[in-house]
Amino acid sequence: MSHSPCLLMVAPNGARRGYTDHPAIPLTPEELARDAQQCVKAGASMMHLHVREPDGRHLLDVTAYKEAISAINETVGDQLILQVTSEAAGRYTPNEQRRVIEALQPASVSVAVREWFGDRHEIDASGELCRYLAAKNCHIQYIVYSPEDLAYFNLLRQQGCLPPGRAFLLFVLGRYSTPPLADPGSLTGFLHALEKDDAWAVCAFGTTEGECMSMAAQQGGHVRVGFENNLWRADGKLTNSNADIVADTRIRIEAAGRSVMNVQQTRHFLALTTGAGREDEL
């Protein structure tokens, strides 16, 4: 069992859910800022950020990202690290995804391996941008939806397409379905395909989210929770807020014998305080 500090990230909205799914889901910059403040108090040190069109549709847009980031920073200052998404959500091509992220040059971004590298015609351009972002000290978290995705990521890195060295991966347990439900046991397959020096986190769909987070904490991983993947408590009742999920997850992490990273530890863990490269603790 690991006793190292655990990164607790919140994903407060995602690309698909809206007010009809949960009245407290934050979609506007102002709502995201209020949610961020609550989640920081509950124990989160990092936020996975989606922005939306006025009609609620998923959006990749530099101006919209800057507005949301500014609103959050004005509210919580440097107490929360922001990771923007590059998710397609059925709306954007890999080229469109890359153009937005290249123009924004965020401090941190998540990249789904099967979206950016699933088409062999996109591999060179996507790899070039990932290497460029890493050289600019942008932290990249690579999202994998299966052990096969993870094996493919390992191959891309081995071939020199992706930045060399240690990586931070996100394992997605479960899918959007009716009802959405993640199998905690599926974590084992990811861990078998994991390169020994890489760091990893888990997100999970549905009422088993908490159980999956406990398992991740016990196995030395990190966690991402929130309305993007789950709206419910373990008993199946709708939770009140993202902050409530964060607070419950913090209890689970501490029950596993680990502390929750503060923002300074998270910044160091992600190598956001150094000129380039990743820290040994990754």
C-alpha atoms as a PDB file:
ATOM      1  CA  MET A   1       0.000   0.000   0.000  1.00  0.00           C
ATOM      2  CA  SER A   2       1.296   3.446  -0.961  1.00  0.00           C
ATOM      3  CA  HIS A   3       1.516   6.208   1.640  1.00  0.00           C
ATOM      4  CA  SER A   4       2.467   8.976  -0.792  1.00  0.00           C
ATOM      5  CA  PRO A   5       0.100  11.958  -1.107  1.00  0.00           C
ATOM      6  CA  CYS A   6      -2.835  11.487  -3.482  1.00  0.00           C
ATOM      7  CA  LEU A   7      -3.889  14.018  -6.117  1.00  0.00           C
ATOM      8  CA  LEU A   8      -7.620  14.765  -5.913  1.00  0.00           C
ATOM      9  CA  MET A   9      -8.970  16.300  -9.123  1.00  0.00           C
ATOM     10  CA  VAL A  10     -12.550  17.387  -9.779  1.00  0.00           C
ATOM     11  CA  ALA A  11     -14.285  17.158 -13.175  1.00  0.00           C
ATOM     12  CA  PRO A  12     -17.350  19.331 -12.497  1.00  0.00           C
ATOM     13  CA  ASN A  13     -19.301  19.238 -15.756  1.00  0.00           C
ATOM     14  CA  GLY A  14     -17.943  17.269 -18.724  1.00  0.00           C
ATOM     15  CA  ALA A  15     -19.160  17.575 -22.314  1.00  0.00           C
ATOM     16  CA  ARG A  16     -22.660  16.111 -22.184  1.00  0.00           C
ATOM     17  CA  ARG A  17     -24.639  16.673 -19.000  1.00  0.00           C
ATOM     18  CA  GLY A  18     -26.804  19.717 -18.336  1.00  0.00           C
ATOM     19  CA  TYR A  19     -29.208  21.246 -15.858  1.00  0.00           C
ATOM     20  CA  THR A  20     -31.833  18.573 -16.519  1.00  0.00           C
ATOM     21  CA  ASP A  21     -29.332  15.998 -15.283  1.00  0.00           C
ATOM     22  CA  HIS A  22     -28.449  17.976 -12.166  1.00  0.00           C
ATOM     23  CA  PRO A  23     -29.538  21.527 -11.277  1.00  0.00           C
ATOM     24  CA  ALA A  24     -26.184  22.276  -9.621  1.00  0.00           C
ATOM     25  CA  ILE A  25     -23.990  21.390 -12.598  1.00  0.00           C
ATOM     26  CA  PRO A  26     -21.706  24.370 -13.387  1.00  0.00           C
ATOM     27  CA  LEU A  27     -21.748  25.385 -17.044  1.00  0.00           C
ATOM     28  CA  THR A  28     -21.040  29.133 -17.148  1.00  0.00           C
ATOM     29  CA  PRO A  29     -17.791  30.828 -16.069  1.00  0.00           C
ATOM     30  CA  GLU A  30     -19.536  32.246 -13.001  1.00  0.00           C
ATOM     31  CA  GLU A  31     -20.937  28.861 -12.016  1.00  0.00           C
ATOM     32  CA  LEU A  32     -17.578  27.204 -12.556  1.00  0.00           C
ATOM     33  CA  ALA A  33     -15.911  29.809 -10.339  1.00  0.00           C
ATOM     34  CA  ARG A  34     -18.377  29.208  -7.494  1.00  0.00           C
ATOM     35  CA  ASP A  35     -18.013  25.461  -7.872  1.00  0.00           C
ATOM     36  CA  ALA A  36     -14.226  25.763  -7.861  1.00  0.00           C
ATOM     37  CA  GLN A  37     -14.314  27.676  -4.592  1.00  0.00           C
ATOM     38  CA  GLN A  38     -16.453  24.990  -2.954  1.00  0.00           C
ATOM     39  CA  CYS A  39     -14.292  22.168  -4.287  1.00  0.00           C
ATOM     40  CA  VAL A  40     -11.067  23.769  -3.079  1.00  0.00           C
ATOM     41  CA  LYS A  41     -12.539  23.965   0.428  1.00  0.00           C
ATOM     42  CA  ALA A  42     -13.520  20.299   0.148  1.00  0.00           C
ATOM     43  CA  GLY A  43     -10.004  19.198  -0.779  1.00  0.00           C
ATOM     44  CA  ALA A  44      -9.522  19.419  -4.564  1.00  0.00           C
ATOM     45  CA  SER A  45      -6.282  20.912  -5.875  1.00  0.00           C
ATOM     46  CA  MET A  46      -6.957  20.488  -9.600  1.00  0.00           C
ATOM     47  CA  MET A  47      -9.942  20.927 -11.920  1.00  0.00           C
ATOM     48  CA  HIS A  48     -10.596  19.262 -15.276  1.00  0.00           C
ATOM     49  CA  LEU A  49     -12.297  22.034 -17.229  1.00  0.00           C
ATOM     50  CA  HIS A  50     -14.932  21.929 -19.970  1.00  0.00           C
ATOM     51  CA  VAL A  51     -16.626  25.019 -21.410  1.00  0.00           C
ATOM     52  CA  ARG A  52     -19.975  25.242 -23.181  1.00  0.00           C
ATOM     53  CA  GLU A  53     -21.900  27.156 -25.804  1.00  0.00           C
ATOM     54  CA  PRO A  54     -24.732  29.405 -24.506  1.00  0.00           C
ATOM     55  CA  ASP A  55     -27.138  26.594 -25.454  1.00  0.00           C
ATOM     56  CA  GLY A  56     -25.126  24.107 -23.388  1.00  0.00           C
ATOM     57  CA  ARG A  57     -23.303  22.291 -26.196  1.00  0.00           C
ATOM     58  CA  HIS A  58     -19.712  21.156 -25.712  1.00  0.00           C
ATOM     59  CA  LEU A  59     -17.231  23.762 -26.894  1.00  0.00           C
ATOM     60  CA  LEU A  60     -13.535  23.950 -27.721  1.00  0.00           C
ATOM     61  CA  ASP A  61     -12.772  27.655 -28.032  1.00  0.00           C
ATOM     62  CA  VAL A  62      -9.796  29.739 -26.928  1.00  0.00           C
ATOM     63  CA  THR A  63     -11.841  32.789 -25.887  1.00  0.00           C
ATOM     64  CA  ALA A  64     -14.336  30.705 -23.915  1.00  0.00           C
ATOM     65  CA  TYR A  65     -11.516  28.904 -22.137  1.00  0.00           C
ATOM     66  CA  LYS A  66      -9.805  32.169 -21.238  1.00  0.00           C
ATOM     67  CA  GLU A  67     -13.054  33.587 -19.839  1.00  0.00           C
ATOM     68  CA  ALA A  68     -13.649  30.529 -17.668  1.00  0.00           C
ATOM     69  CA  ILE A  69     -10.032  30.369 -16.492  1.00  0.00           C
ATOM     70  CA  SER A  70     -10.085  34.071 -15.623  1.00  0.00           C
ATOM     71  CA  ALA A  71     -13.326  33.751 -13.634  1.00  0.00           C
ATOM     72  CA  ILE A  72     -12.000  30.762 -11.688  1.00  0.00           C
ATOM     73  CA  ASN A  73      -8.643  32.385 -10.986  1.00  0.00           C
ATOM     74  CA  GLU A  74     -10.320  35.572  -9.774  1.00  0.00           C
ATOM     75  CA  THR A  75     -12.255  33.473  -7.258  1.00  0.00           C
ATOM     76  CA  VAL A  76      -9.680  30.948  -6.006  1.00  0.00           C
ATOM     77  CA  GLY A  77      -6.393  32.553  -7.018  1.00  0.00           C
ATOM     78  CA  ASP A  78      -3.552  30.035  -7.206  1.00  0.00           C
ATOM     79  CA  GLN A  79      -5.314  27.466  -5.019  1.00  0.00           C
ATOM     80  CA  LEU A  80      -6.489  25.348  -7.951  1.00  0.00           C
ATOM     81  CA  ILE A  81      -4.616  24.068 -11.001  1.00  0.00           C
ATOM     82  CA  LEU A  82      -6.719  24.054 -14.156  1.00  0.00           C
ATOM     83  CA  GLN A  83      -6.503  21.316 -16.766  1.00  0.00           C
ATOM     84  CA  VAL A  84      -8.416  22.010 -19.981  1.00  0.00           C
ATOM     85  CA  THR A  85      -9.950  19.222 -22.007  1.00  0.00           C
ATOM     86  CA  SER A  86      -9.322  18.592 -25.695  1.00  0.00           C
ATOM     87  CA  GLU A  87     -12.282  16.205 -25.948  1.00  0.00           C
ATOM     88  CA  ALA A  88     -13.996  15.880 -29.312  1.00  0.00           C
ATOM     89  CA  ALA A  89     -17.395  14.802 -27.919  1.00  0.00           C
ATOM     90  CA  GLY A  90     -18.472  13.937 -31.443  1.00  0.00           C
ATOM     91  CA  ARG A  91     -18.140  17.560 -32.543  1.00  0.00           C
ATOM     92  CA  TYR A  92     -14.492  18.220 -33.391  1.00  0.00           C
ATOM     93  CA  THR A  93     -11.895  16.630 -35.644  1.00  0.00           C
ATOM     94  CA  PRO A  94      -8.373  15.940 -34.373  1.00  0.00           C
ATOM     95  CA  ASN A  95      -7.118  18.895 -36.413  1.00  0.00           C
ATOM     96  CA  GLU A  96      -9.670  21.203 -34.791  1.00  0.00           C
ATOM     97  CA  GLN A  97      -8.770  19.859 -31.355  1.00  0.00           C
ATOM     98  CA  ARG A  98      -5.074  20.457 -31.936  1.00  0.00           C
ATOM     99  CA  ARG A  99      -5.597  23.984 -33.283  1.00  0.00           C
ATOM    100  CA  VAL A 100      -7.456  25.118 -30.167  1.00  0.00           C
ATOM    101  CA  ILE A 101      -4.922  23.625 -27.758  1.00  0.00           C
ATOM    102  CA  GLU A 102      -1.954  24.968 -29.708  1.00  0.00           C
ATOM    103  CA  ALA A 103      -3.465  28.460 -29.698  1.00  0.00           C
ATOM    104  CA  LEU A 104      -4.395  28.314 -26.006  1.00  0.00           C
ATOM    105  CA  GLN A 105      -1.122  26.744 -24.781  1.00  0.00           C
ATOM    106  CA  PRO A 106      -2.583  25.886 -21.376  1.00  0.00           C
ATOM    107  CA  ALA A 107      -0.635  24.947 -18.266  1.00  0.00           C
ATOM    108  CA  SER A 108      -2.247  21.517 -18.385  1.00  0.00           C
ATOM    109  CA  VAL A 109      -4.348  19.589 -20.911  1.00  0.00           C
ATOM    110  CA  SER A 110      -5.917  16.155 -21.193  1.00  0.00           C
ATOM    111  CA  VAL A 111      -5.554  14.216 -24.443  1.00  0.00           C
ATOM    112  CA  ALA A 112      -7.520  11.076 -25.305  1.00  0.00           C
ATOM    113  CA  VAL A 113      -5.135   8.701 -27.048  1.00  0.00           C
ATOM    114  CA  ARG A 114      -7.806   7.156 -29.264  1.00  0.00           C
ATOM    115  CA  GLU A 115      -9.059  10.596 -30.376  1.00  0.00           C
ATOM    116  CA  TRP A 116      -5.701  12.156 -31.281  1.00  0.00           C
ATOM    117  CA  PHE A 117      -3.946   8.987 -32.441  1.00  0.00           C
ATOM    118  CA  GLY A 118      -6.763   6.629 -33.479  1.00  0.00           C
ATOM    119  CA  ASP A 119      -6.436   7.510 -37.158  1.00  0.00           C
ATOM    120  CA  ARG A 120      -2.976   6.708 -38.542  1.00  0.00           C
ATOM    121  CA  HIS A 121      -3.171   9.888 -40.658  1.00  0.00           C
ATOM    122  CA  GLU A 122      -3.294  11.972 -37.466  1.00  0.00           C
ATOM    123  CA  ILE A 123      -0.383  10.357 -35.628  1.00  0.00           C
ATOM    124  CA  ASP A 124       2.437  12.579 -36.908  1.00  0.00           C
ATOM    125  CA  ALA A 125       0.610  15.885 -36.338  1.00  0.00           C
ATOM    126  CA  SER A 126      -0.684  14.853 -32.913  1.00  0.00           C
ATOM    127  CA  GLY A 127       2.695  13.581 -31.805  1.00  0.00           C
ATOM    128  CA  GLU A 128       4.408  16.747 -32.992  1.00  0.00           C
ATOM    129  CA  LEU A 129       2.017  18.912 -30.974  1.00  0.00           C
ATOM    130  CA  CYS A 130       2.390  16.776 -27.840  1.00  0.00           C
ATOM    131  CA  ARG A 131       6.162  17.046 -28.036  1.00  0.00           C
ATOM    132  CA  TYR A 132       5.898  20.808 -28.604  1.00  0.00           C
ATOM    133  CA  LEU A 133       3.560  21.277 -25.638  1.00  0.00           C
ATOM    134  CA  ALA A 134       5.809  19.222 -23.377  1.00  0.00           C
ATOM    135  CA  ALA A 135       8.803  21.322 -24.434  1.00  0.00           C
ATOM    136  CA  LYS A 136       6.801  24.431 -23.465  1.00  0.00           C
ATOM    137  CA  ASN A 137       6.211  22.882 -20.004  1.00  0.00           C
ATOM    138  CA  CYS A 138       2.527  22.202 -20.620  1.00  0.00           C
ATOM    139  CA  HIS A 139       1.547  19.177 -18.560  1.00  0.00           C
ATOM    140  CA  ILE A 140      -0.251  16.519 -20.618  1.00  0.00           C
ATOM    141  CA  GLN A 141      -2.442  13.850 -19.064  1.00  0.00           C
ATOM    142  CA  TYR A 142      -3.171  11.016 -21.459  1.00  0.00           C
ATOM    143  CA  ILE A 143      -6.632   9.456 -21.265  1.00  0.00           C
ATOM    144  CA  VAL A 144      -6.984   5.740 -21.977  1.00  0.00           C
ATOM    145  CA  TYR A 145     -10.306   3.896 -22.043  1.00  0.00           C
ATOM    146  CA  SER A 146      -8.970   0.343 -22.029  1.00  0.00           C
ATOM    147  CA  PRO A 147      -5.798  -1.663 -21.405  1.00  0.00           C
ATOM    148  CA  GLU A 148      -5.487  -1.840 -25.194  1.00  0.00           C
ATOM    149  CA  ASP A 149      -5.420   1.963 -25.360  1.00  0.00           C
ATOM    150  CA  LEU A 150      -2.678   1.916 -22.742  1.00  0.00           C
ATOM    151  CA  ALA A 151      -0.624  -0.637 -24.686  1.00  0.00           C
ATOM    152  CA  TYR A 152      -0.995   1.570 -27.776  1.00  0.00           C
ATOM    153  CA  PHE A 153       0.152   4.618 -25.795  1.00  0.00           C
ATOM    154  CA  ASN A 154       3.226   2.680 -24.634  1.00  0.00           C
ATOM    155  CA  LEU A 155       4.017   1.772 -28.244  1.00  0.00           C
ATOM    156  CA  LEU A 156       3.652   5.366 -29.468  1.00  0.00           C
ATOM    157  CA  ARG A 157       6.039   6.578 -26.794  1.00  0.00           C
ATOM    158  CA  GLN A 158       8.507   3.771 -27.524  1.00  0.00           C
ATOM    159  CA  GLN A 159       8.483   4.769 -31.196  1.00  0.00           C
ATOM    160  CA  GLY A 160       9.314   8.373 -30.290  1.00  0.00           C
ATOM    161  CA  CYS A 161       5.971   9.807 -31.334  1.00  0.00           C
ATOM    162  CA  LEU A 162       5.130  10.985 -27.806  1.00  0.00           C
ATOM    163  CA  PRO A 163       7.345  12.893 -25.364  1.00  0.00           C
ATOM    164  CA  PRO A 164       9.825  10.554 -23.676  1.00  0.00           C
ATOM    165  CA  GLY A 165       9.988   9.828 -19.985  1.00  0.00           C
ATOM    166  CA  ARG A 166       7.382   9.346 -17.337  1.00  0.00           C
ATOM    167  CA  ALA A 167       3.744  10.062 -18.121  1.00  0.00           C
ATOM    168  CA  PHE A 168       0.580  10.763 -16.145  1.00  0.00           C
ATOM    169  CA  LEU A 169      -2.334   8.650 -17.367  1.00  0.00           C
ATOM    170  CA  LEU A 170      -6.061   8.663 -16.675  1.00  0.00           C
ATOM    171  CA  PHE A 171      -7.808   5.290 -16.650  1.00  0.00           C
ATOM    172  CA  VAL A 172     -11.525   5.545 -17.470  1.00  0.00           C
ATOM    173  CA  LEU A 173     -13.636   2.882 -15.778  1.00  0.00           C
ATOM    174  CA  GLY A 174     -17.091   2.389 -17.290  1.00  0.00           C
ATOM    175  CA  ARG A 175     -18.993   4.353 -19.922  1.00  0.00           C
ATOM    176  CA  TYR A 176     -22.066   6.518 -20.377  1.00  0.00           C
ATOM    177  CA  SER A 177     -24.898   3.985 -20.358  1.00  0.00           C
ATOM    178  CA  THR A 178     -28.254   3.357 -18.666  1.00  0.00           C
ATOM    179  CA  PRO A 179     -27.409   3.239 -15.854  1.00  0.00           C
ATOM    180  CA  PRO A 180     -23.753   4.275 -16.058  1.00  0.00           C
ATOM    181  CA  LEU A 181     -21.709   1.886 -13.931  1.00  0.00           C
ATOM    182  CA  ALA A 182     -17.991   1.214 -13.537  1.00  0.00           C
ATOM    183  CA  ASP A 183     -16.555  -2.143 -12.514  1.00  0.00           C
ATOM    184  CA  PRO A 184     -13.838  -1.575  -9.893  1.00  0.00           C
ATOM    185  CA  GLY A 185     -12.278  -4.889 -10.897  1.00  0.00           C
ATOM    186  CA  SER A 186     -11.476  -3.521 -14.355  1.00  0.00           C
ATOM    187  CA  LEU A 187      -8.653  -1.473 -12.824  1.00  0.00           C
ATOM    188  CA  THR A 188      -6.533  -4.629 -12.701  1.00  0.00           C
ATOM    189  CA  GLY A 189      -6.288  -4.827 -16.494  1.00  0.00           C
ATOM    190  CA  PHE A 190      -4.924  -1.279 -16.703  1.00  0.00           C
ATOM    191  CA  LEU A 191      -2.348  -1.916 -13.989  1.00  0.00           C
ATOM    192  CA  HIS A 192      -1.078  -5.006 -15.806  1.00  0.00           C
ATOM    193  CA  ALA A 193      -0.392  -2.873 -18.916  1.00  0.00           C
ATOM    194  CA  LEU A 194       1.161   0.037 -16.978  1.00  0.00           C
ATOM    195  CA  GLU A 195       4.848   0.854 -17.378  1.00  0.00           C
ATOM    196  CA  LYS A 196       6.397   0.817 -13.913  1.00  0.00           C
ATOM    197  CA  ASP A 197       7.541   4.458 -13.797  1.00  0.00           C
ATOM    198  CA  ASP A 198       4.290   6.052 -14.999  1.00  0.00           C
ATOM    199  CA  ALA A 199       1.812   7.774 -12.696  1.00  0.00           C
ATOM    200  CA  TRP A 200      -1.901   7.194 -13.060  1.00  0.00           C
ATOM    201  CA  ALA A 201      -5.320   8.327 -11.930  1.00  0.00           C
ATOM    202  CA  VAL A 202      -8.819   6.902 -12.236  1.00  0.00           C
ATOM    203  CA  CYS A 203     -12.238   8.291 -13.089  1.00  0.00           C
ATOM    204  CA  ALA A 204     -15.342   6.107 -12.909  1.00  0.00           C
ATOM    205  CA  PHE A 205     -18.951   6.218 -14.026  1.00  0.00           C
ATOM    206  CA  GLY A 206     -21.932   5.832 -11.720  1.00  0.00           C
ATOM    207  CA  THR A 207     -22.598   4.836  -8.135  1.00  0.00           C
ATOM    208  CA  THR A 208     -19.442   2.722  -7.889  1.00  0.00           C
ATOM    209  CA  GLU A 209     -17.279   5.825  -8.326  1.00  0.00           C
ATOM    210  CA  GLY A 210     -16.419   5.925  -4.634  1.00  0.00           C
ATOM    211  CA  GLU A 211     -15.479   2.258  -4.535  1.00  0.00           C
ATOM    212  CA  CYS A 212     -13.218   2.749  -7.551  1.00  0.00           C
ATOM    213  CA  MET A 213     -11.550   5.766  -5.915  1.00  0.00           C
ATOM    214  CA  SER A 214     -10.875   3.770  -2.751  1.00  0.00           C
ATOM    215  CA  MET A 215      -9.239   1.044  -4.810  1.00  0.00           C
ATOM    216  CA  ALA A 216      -7.136   3.560  -6.742  1.00  0.00           C
ATOM    217  CA  ALA A 217      -5.938   5.174  -3.510  1.00  0.00           C
ATOM    218  CA  GLN A 218      -5.061   1.782  -2.058  1.00  0.00           C
ATOM    219  CA  GLN A 219      -3.091   0.846  -5.177  1.00  0.00           C
ATOM    220  CA  GLY A 220      -1.004   4.036  -5.204  1.00  0.00           C
ATOM    221  CA  GLY A 221      -2.940   5.898  -7.891  1.00  0.00           C
ATOM    222  CA  HIS A 222      -4.646   9.266  -7.990  1.00  0.00           C
ATOM    223  CA  VAL A 223      -8.298  10.194  -8.436  1.00  0.00           C
ATOM    224  CA  ARG A 224     -10.666  12.323 -10.510  1.00  0.00           C
ATOM    225  CA  VAL A 225     -14.276  12.679  -9.416  1.00  0.00           C
ATOM    226  CA  GLY A 226     -17.288  14.840 -10.202  1.00  0.00           C
ATOM    227  CA  PHE A 227     -20.385  15.361 -12.291  1.00  0.00           C
ATOM    228  CA  GLU A 228     -18.648  14.576 -15.573  1.00  0.00           C
ATOM    229  CA  ASN A 229     -18.721  10.902 -14.623  1.00  0.00           C
ATOM    230  CA  ASN A 230     -21.058  10.568 -11.664  1.00  0.00           C
ATOM    231  CA  LEU A 231     -24.063  12.365 -10.135  1.00  0.00           C
ATOM    232  CA  TRP A 232     -24.942   9.884  -7.408  1.00  0.00           C
ATOM    233  CA  ARG A 233     -23.971   8.787  -3.940  1.00  0.00           C
ATOM    234  CA  ALA A 234     -23.147   5.160  -3.286  1.00  0.00           C
ATOM    235  CA  ASP A 235     -26.744   4.556  -2.122  1.00  0.00           C
ATOM    236  CA  GLY A 236     -28.072   5.623  -5.524  1.00  0.00           C
ATOM    237  CA  LYS A 237     -29.468   8.988  -4.405  1.00  0.00           C
ATOM    238  CA  LEU A 238     -28.530  12.157  -6.270  1.00  0.00           C
ATOM    239  CA  THR A 239     -25.621  13.928  -4.611  1.00  0.00           C
ATOM    240  CA  ASN A 240     -25.921  17.616  -3.744  1.00  0.00           C
ATOM    241  CA  SER A 241     -22.793  19.007  -5.387  1.00  0.00           C
ATOM    242  CA  ASN A 242     -19.352  18.370  -6.782  1.00  0.00           C
ATOM    243  CA  ALA A 243     -17.929  19.552  -3.465  1.00  0.00           C
ATOM    244  CA  ASP A 244     -19.828  16.812  -1.636  1.00  0.00           C
ATOM    245  CA  ILE A 245     -18.271  14.197  -3.919  1.00  0.00           C
ATOM    246  CA  VAL A 246     -14.819  15.711  -3.355  1.00  0.00           C
ATOM    247  CA  ALA A 247     -15.307  15.687   0.426  1.00  0.00           C
ATOM    248  CA  ASP A 248     -16.434  12.044   0.394  1.00  0.00           C
ATOM    249  CA  THR A 249     -13.461  11.095  -1.782  1.00  0.00           C
ATOM    250  CA  ARG A 250     -11.059  12.822   0.581  1.00  0.00           C
ATOM    251  CA  ILE A 251     -12.388  10.662   3.400  1.00  0.00           C
ATOM    252  CA  ARG A 252     -11.810   7.565   1.277  1.00  0.00           C
ATOM    253  CA  ILE A 253      -8.237   8.604   0.446  1.00  0.00           C
ATOM    254  CA  GLU A 254      -7.422   9.214   4.093  1.00  0.00           C
ATOM    255  CA  ALA A 255      -9.008   5.885   5.049  1.00  0.00           C
ATOM    256  CA  ALA A 256      -6.519   4.264   2.660  1.00  0.00           C
ATOM    257  CA  GLY A 257      -3.700   5.768   4.727  1.00  0.00           C
ATOM    258  CA  ARG A 258      -2.816   8.602   2.366  1.00  0.00           C
ATOM    259  CA  SER A 259      -3.038  12.369   2.595  1.00  0.00           C
ATOM    260  CA  VAL A 260      -4.549  14.574  -0.088  1.00  0.00           C
ATOM    261  CA  MET A 261      -2.101  16.735  -2.040  1.00  0.00           C
ATOM    262  CA  ASN A 262      -2.330  20.455  -1.467  1.00  0.00           C
ATOM    263  CA  VAL A 263      -1.905  22.733  -4.459  1.00  0.00           C
ATOM    264  CA  GLN A 264       1.840  23.224  -3.879  1.00  0.00           C
ATOM    265  CA  GLN A 265       2.389  19.463  -3.826  1.00  0.00           C
ATOM    266  CA  THR A 266       0.251  19.078  -6.937  1.00  0.00           C
ATOM    267  CA  ARG A 267       2.175  21.772  -8.782  1.00  0.00           C
ATOM    268  CA  HIS A 268       5.430  20.038  -7.900  1.00  0.00           C
ATOM    269  CA  PHE A 269       4.030  16.617  -8.838  1.00  0.00           C
ATOM    270  CA  LEU A 270       3.032  17.909 -12.276  1.00  0.00           C
ATOM    271  CA  ALA A 271       6.375  19.716 -12.709  1.00  0.00           C
ATOM    272  CA  LEU A 272       4.611  23.044 -13.168  1.00  0.00           C
ATOM    273  CA  THR A 273       7.150  24.898 -11.022  1.00  0.00           C
ATOM    274  CA  THR A 274      10.201  23.886 -13.059  1.00  0.00           C
ATOM    275  CA  GLY A 275      11.469  25.025 -16.425  1.00  0.00           C
ATOM    276  CA  ALA A 276      10.970  21.723 -18.183  1.00  0.00           C
ATOM    277  CA  GLY A 277      10.715  18.020 -17.592  1.00  0.00           C
ATOM    278  CA  ARG A 278       8.993  15.968 -14.915  1.00  0.00           C
ATOM    279  CA  GLU A 279       9.878  15.668 -11.270  1.00  0.00           C
ATOM    280  CA  ASP A 280      11.205  12.467  -9.748  1.00  0.00           C
ATOM    281  CA  GLU A 281       8.039  12.123  -7.679  1.00  0.00           C
ATOM    282  CA  LEU A 282       5.917  11.599 -10.782  1.00  0.00           C
END
